[in-house]
Protein backbone atom coordinates (compact mmCIF):
# COMPACT_ATOMS: atom_id res chain seq x y z
CA MET A 1 46.53 -26.58 45.93
CA LEU A 2 43.60 -28.03 45.20
CA GLU A 3 42.49 -28.26 48.59
CA ARG A 4 42.63 -24.32 48.92
CA ILE A 5 40.75 -23.73 45.90
CA GLU A 6 37.89 -26.29 46.91
CA SER A 7 37.62 -24.14 49.90
CA TYR A 8 37.79 -21.04 48.48
CA PHE A 9 34.59 -21.90 46.24
CA ASN A 10 32.90 -23.52 48.75
CA HIS A 11 33.22 -20.24 50.91
CA THR A 12 34.78 -22.04 54.16
CA LEU A 13 38.01 -19.80 53.81
CA SER A 14 38.39 -16.55 56.41
CA ASN A 15 38.05 -13.21 54.90
CA GLU A 16 41.95 -12.72 55.38
CA GLU A 17 42.17 -15.79 53.66
CA ARG A 18 39.86 -15.32 50.77
CA GLN A 19 41.70 -11.81 49.99
CA LEU A 20 44.98 -13.29 50.27
CA PHE A 21 43.77 -15.77 47.87
CA GLU A 22 42.32 -13.39 45.56
CA THR A 23 45.53 -11.37 45.48
CA GLN A 24 47.60 -14.14 44.73
CA LEU A 25 45.71 -15.26 42.31
CA ALA A 26 45.97 -11.91 40.16
CA THR A 27 49.66 -12.29 40.21
CA ASP A 28 50.52 -15.79 40.67
CA GLU A 29 50.17 -17.38 36.97
CA THR A 30 50.27 -21.09 38.09
CA LEU A 31 47.61 -20.74 40.71
CA ALA A 32 45.42 -18.89 38.11
CA ASN A 33 46.05 -21.89 35.52
CA GLU A 34 44.67 -24.37 38.51
CA VAL A 35 41.73 -22.67 39.05
CA ALA A 36 40.72 -22.46 35.54
CA PHE A 37 41.63 -26.12 35.35
CA TYR A 38 39.42 -26.71 38.23
CA LEU A 39 35.94 -24.71 36.84
CA ASN A 40 36.42 -26.27 33.46
CA THR A 41 36.41 -29.95 35.03
CA LYS A 42 33.59 -28.92 37.19
CA ILE A 43 31.74 -27.51 34.23
CA ALA A 44 32.36 -30.76 32.53
CA ALA A 45 31.45 -32.89 35.28
CA ARG A 46 28.08 -31.59 35.44
CA GLU A 47 27.00 -31.84 32.14
CA ASN A 48 28.11 -35.26 32.12
CA ALA A 49 26.21 -35.89 35.11
CA LYS A 50 23.45 -34.03 33.82
CA GLU A 51 23.29 -36.13 30.26
CA LYS A 52 24.01 -39.40 32.54
CA ARG A 53 20.63 -39.01 34.67
CA LYS A 54 18.38 -37.66 31.35
CA GLN A 55 19.97 -41.48 29.75
CA GLU A 56 19.12 -43.06 32.55
CA PHE A 57 15.37 -41.72 33.28
CA GLU A 58 14.96 -42.76 29.19
CA GLU A 59 16.09 -46.30 29.85
CA LEU A 60 13.74 -46.97 32.97
CA ARG A 61 10.94 -45.39 31.31
CA LYS A 62 11.48 -47.56 28.03
CA LYS A 63 11.92 -50.43 30.33
CA LEU A 64 8.60 -49.95 32.14
CA VAL A 65 6.38 -49.62 28.69
CA LYS A 66 7.80 -52.48 27.20
CA ASN A 67 7.18 -54.44 30.68
CA ASN A 68 3.84 -53.18 31.23
CA LYS A 69 4.79 -52.08 34.62
CA ILE A 70 2.22 -48.73 34.04
CA ARG A 71 -0.80 -49.51 35.25
CA LEU A 72 -3.37 -46.97 33.77
CA ASN A 73 -6.49 -48.15 36.24
CA GLY A 74 -4.04 -47.17 39.50
CA TRP A 75 -3.19 -43.80 38.08
CA ILE A 76 -6.50 -42.47 36.16
CA THR A 77 -7.67 -40.44 39.01
CA GLY A 78 -4.66 -38.53 39.45
CA ILE A 79 -4.09 -38.54 35.36
CA ALA A 80 -7.51 -36.76 35.34
CA ALA A 81 -6.83 -34.30 37.98
CA SER A 82 -3.95 -33.42 36.49
CA VAL A 83 -5.30 -32.81 32.95
CA LEU A 84 -8.17 -30.86 34.81
CA ILE A 85 -5.78 -28.98 36.08
CA ALA A 86 -3.79 -28.08 32.83
CA PHE A 87 -6.84 -27.51 31.05
CA VAL A 88 -7.85 -24.56 33.81
CA THR A 89 -4.77 -23.24 33.49
CA TRP A 90 -5.01 -22.91 29.52
CA ILE A 91 -8.65 -20.68 29.72
CA PHE A 92 -7.23 -18.72 32.24
CA VAL A 93 -3.83 -18.00 30.19
CA GLN A 94 -6.19 -17.65 27.03
CA LYS A 95 -8.68 -15.33 29.21
CA ASN A 96 -6.15 -13.08 31.08
CA GLY A 97 -2.57 -12.98 29.40
CA VAL A 98 0.20 -14.63 30.25
CA ASN A 99 1.78 -12.73 33.60
CA ALA A 100 5.10 -10.49 32.34
CA ASP A 101 6.69 -12.38 35.23
CA GLU A 102 6.62 -15.78 33.84
CA ILE A 103 7.36 -14.82 30.44
CA ALA A 104 10.83 -12.93 31.38
CA ASP A 105 11.39 -16.26 33.35
CA VAL A 106 10.90 -18.57 30.62
CA TYR A 107 13.51 -16.29 28.47
CA ILE A 108 15.99 -16.15 31.24
CA GLN A 109 15.69 -19.74 31.85
CA GLU A 110 16.71 -20.78 28.45
CA HIS A 111 19.01 -18.58 27.65
CA PHE A 112 21.27 -17.08 30.94
CA GLU A 113 21.93 -20.65 32.22
CA ASN A 114 25.59 -20.29 31.12
CA LEU A 115 27.64 -18.05 29.84
CA PRO A 116 30.39 -18.93 27.19
CA VAL A 117 34.09 -18.98 28.05
CA LYS A 118 37.09 -18.74 26.45
CA MET A 119 39.06 -22.56 27.02
CA ASP A 120 42.29 -21.63 26.07
CA GLY A 121 42.67 -21.03 29.99
CA SER A 122 42.78 -17.12 29.81
CA THR A 123 42.60 -15.96 33.32
CA ASP A 124 41.88 -12.24 32.70
CA SER A 125 39.19 -10.86 35.16
CA LEU A 126 36.09 -11.09 32.54
CA GLN A 127 36.99 -14.88 32.18
CA MET A 128 37.35 -15.35 35.92
CA GLY A 129 33.73 -13.77 36.36
CA LEU A 130 32.61 -16.01 34.04
CA ARG A 131 33.48 -18.82 34.95
CA PHE A 132 32.40 -17.66 38.25
CA PHE A 133 29.14 -17.45 37.16
CA ASN A 134 29.13 -20.76 35.45
CA GLN A 135 29.60 -22.22 38.56
CA LYS A 136 26.51 -20.32 39.86
CA SER A 137 28.86 -18.42 41.99
CA TYR A 138 26.73 -15.44 40.98
CA LYS A 139 27.74 -12.82 44.31
CA ASP A 140 31.73 -13.81 43.45
CA ALA A 141 31.19 -13.17 39.61
CA GLN A 142 29.29 -9.69 40.34
CA SER A 143 31.57 -8.87 42.42
CA ILE A 144 34.59 -8.87 39.69
CA PHE A 145 32.13 -7.24 37.52
CA ASP A 146 31.41 -4.23 39.93
CA LYS A 147 35.42 -4.08 39.73
CA MET A 148 35.62 -3.81 35.90
CA LEU A 149 32.59 -1.31 35.67
CA GLU A 150 34.75 0.95 38.23
CA ARG A 151 37.57 0.96 36.07
CA LYS A 152 36.12 1.21 32.79
CA PRO A 153 31.84 2.37 33.07
CA ASP A 154 31.15 1.78 29.60
CA GLY A 155 32.52 -1.58 28.69
CA ALA A 156 29.53 -2.92 26.53
CA GLU A 157 30.50 -6.82 27.65
CA VAL A 158 30.84 -6.15 31.09
CA LEU A 159 27.85 -4.35 31.14
CA LYS A 160 25.76 -6.99 29.46
CA VAL A 161 26.88 -9.96 31.91
CA SER A 162 27.05 -7.41 34.96
CA GLY A 163 22.95 -7.35 34.01
CA ILE A 164 22.58 -10.90 33.41
CA THR A 165 24.30 -11.82 36.74
CA ALA A 166 22.19 -9.53 38.34
CA PHE A 167 19.21 -11.17 36.79
CA LYS A 168 20.38 -14.94 38.93
CA LEU A 169 20.75 -12.84 42.03
CA GLY A 170 17.33 -11.39 41.71
CA ASP A 171 18.69 -7.37 41.64
CA TYR A 172 16.83 -6.29 38.77
CA PRO A 173 16.73 -2.56 39.58
CA LYS A 174 20.61 -2.95 38.95
CA ALA A 175 20.02 -5.07 35.69
CA VAL A 176 17.67 -2.51 34.44
CA ILE A 177 20.38 0.15 35.14
CA ARG A 178 23.46 -2.15 33.29
CA PHE A 179 21.28 -2.95 30.34
CA HIS A 180 20.11 0.69 29.73
CA GLU A 181 23.34 1.78 29.99
CA LEU A 182 24.34 -0.96 27.29
CA GLY A 183 21.37 -0.03 25.71
CA LYS A 184 22.37 3.67 24.90
CA GLN A 185 25.66 2.64 23.22
CA GLU A 186 25.21 3.19 19.12
CA ASN A 187 28.55 1.86 18.21
CA LEU A 188 28.14 -1.82 18.90
CA PHE A 189 27.34 -4.36 16.02
CA ALA A 190 24.77 -6.23 17.82
CA ASN A 191 23.09 -4.52 21.02
CA PRO A 192 20.50 -6.18 23.32
CA GLY A 193 20.50 -3.91 26.15
CA LYS A 194 16.94 -2.20 25.36
CA PHE A 195 15.67 -5.91 24.66
CA TYR A 196 17.17 -6.87 28.20
CA GLU A 197 16.11 -3.85 29.56
CA ALA A 198 12.64 -4.74 28.76
CA LEU A 199 12.85 -8.36 30.62
CA ALA A 200 14.36 -6.76 33.99
CA LEU A 201 11.44 -4.10 33.98
CA MET A 202 8.91 -7.35 33.82
CA LYS A 203 10.44 -8.59 36.54
CA ILE A 204 9.72 -5.77 38.72
CA LYS A 205 6.47 -5.49 40.53
CA PRO A 206 4.14 -3.14 40.26
CA LEU A 207 4.71 -3.89 36.01
CA ASN A 208 5.32 -0.48 34.44
CA LYS A 209 3.49 -2.35 31.40
CA LYS A 210 3.82 0.99 28.99
CA ALA A 211 7.92 1.28 29.91
CA VAL A 212 8.15 -2.39 28.44
CA GLU A 213 5.92 -1.86 25.58
CA LYS A 214 8.27 1.09 24.54
CA LEU A 215 11.33 -0.89 24.73
CA LEU A 216 9.99 -3.58 22.71
CA ASN A 217 8.69 -1.75 20.38
CA GLU A 218 12.04 0.45 19.76
CA VAL A 219 13.63 -3.36 19.73
CA ILE A 220 11.11 -4.02 16.75
CA ASN A 221 10.96 -0.61 15.27
CA ASN A 222 15.05 -0.13 14.90
CA ASP A 223 15.77 -3.81 14.35
CA LEU A 224 17.63 -4.53 17.26
CA GLU A 225 18.77 -7.66 19.04
CA GLY A 226 16.09 -9.85 20.02
CA LYS A 227 13.15 -8.50 17.52
CA SER A 228 12.01 -11.62 16.92
CA THR A 229 11.30 -12.63 20.25
CA ALA A 230 10.19 -9.00 21.05
CA ILE A 231 7.22 -9.47 18.78
CA GLU A 232 6.51 -12.58 20.58
CA MET A 233 6.23 -11.39 23.63
CA LEU A 234 4.41 -8.30 22.69
CA LYS A 235 1.46 -10.42 21.63
CA GLN A 236 1.43 -12.01 25.25
CA LEU A 237 1.25 -8.80 27.35
């Protein structure tokens, strides 16, 4: 069973085999549990590997410093060039402002790397889509979210994660649509729709600065989710 699951996620199954797998996944509780366990194991392994690499790098850095093996004289030219480049970049940013596309990228990279998944082995469509997302199988995740929205177009949580997935796929117009629909809902305790829509617009060229500023001001004036970040972003635009 494990080999079949791995083949599915590695996209080595034929279209017919893939459809059969997905049909069985929706009805076979044993298979669904195996897939959930497989995804959780992969996520845990990736996080452990990342932490191990960080520790190894830190140990190497300490060893080099301790043994005085970083030869500054041999590196001075490279360091000077790097400092000069950084300084020129800083002057350019101060003079011309930060690119809206870059502002959005920073936020996306910091907040949309992983999405929260229930750790109780839940196998409903939303949880499966979120697991696909965290495995970076964004197309598979979006396929699930799209089907869910066909059945319930106003599903707030699905609109949000579908828009975030569209970010990862580089489909910014679709992200705008999803977040715009989310932003119209007034019965939510916290609604990031307008703030996320502004982020999506910042990724589309040419930049519609007025539309972005309008949305960010709405977030601020209405005390919506993302207010503090919206204030800082407006200062940089």
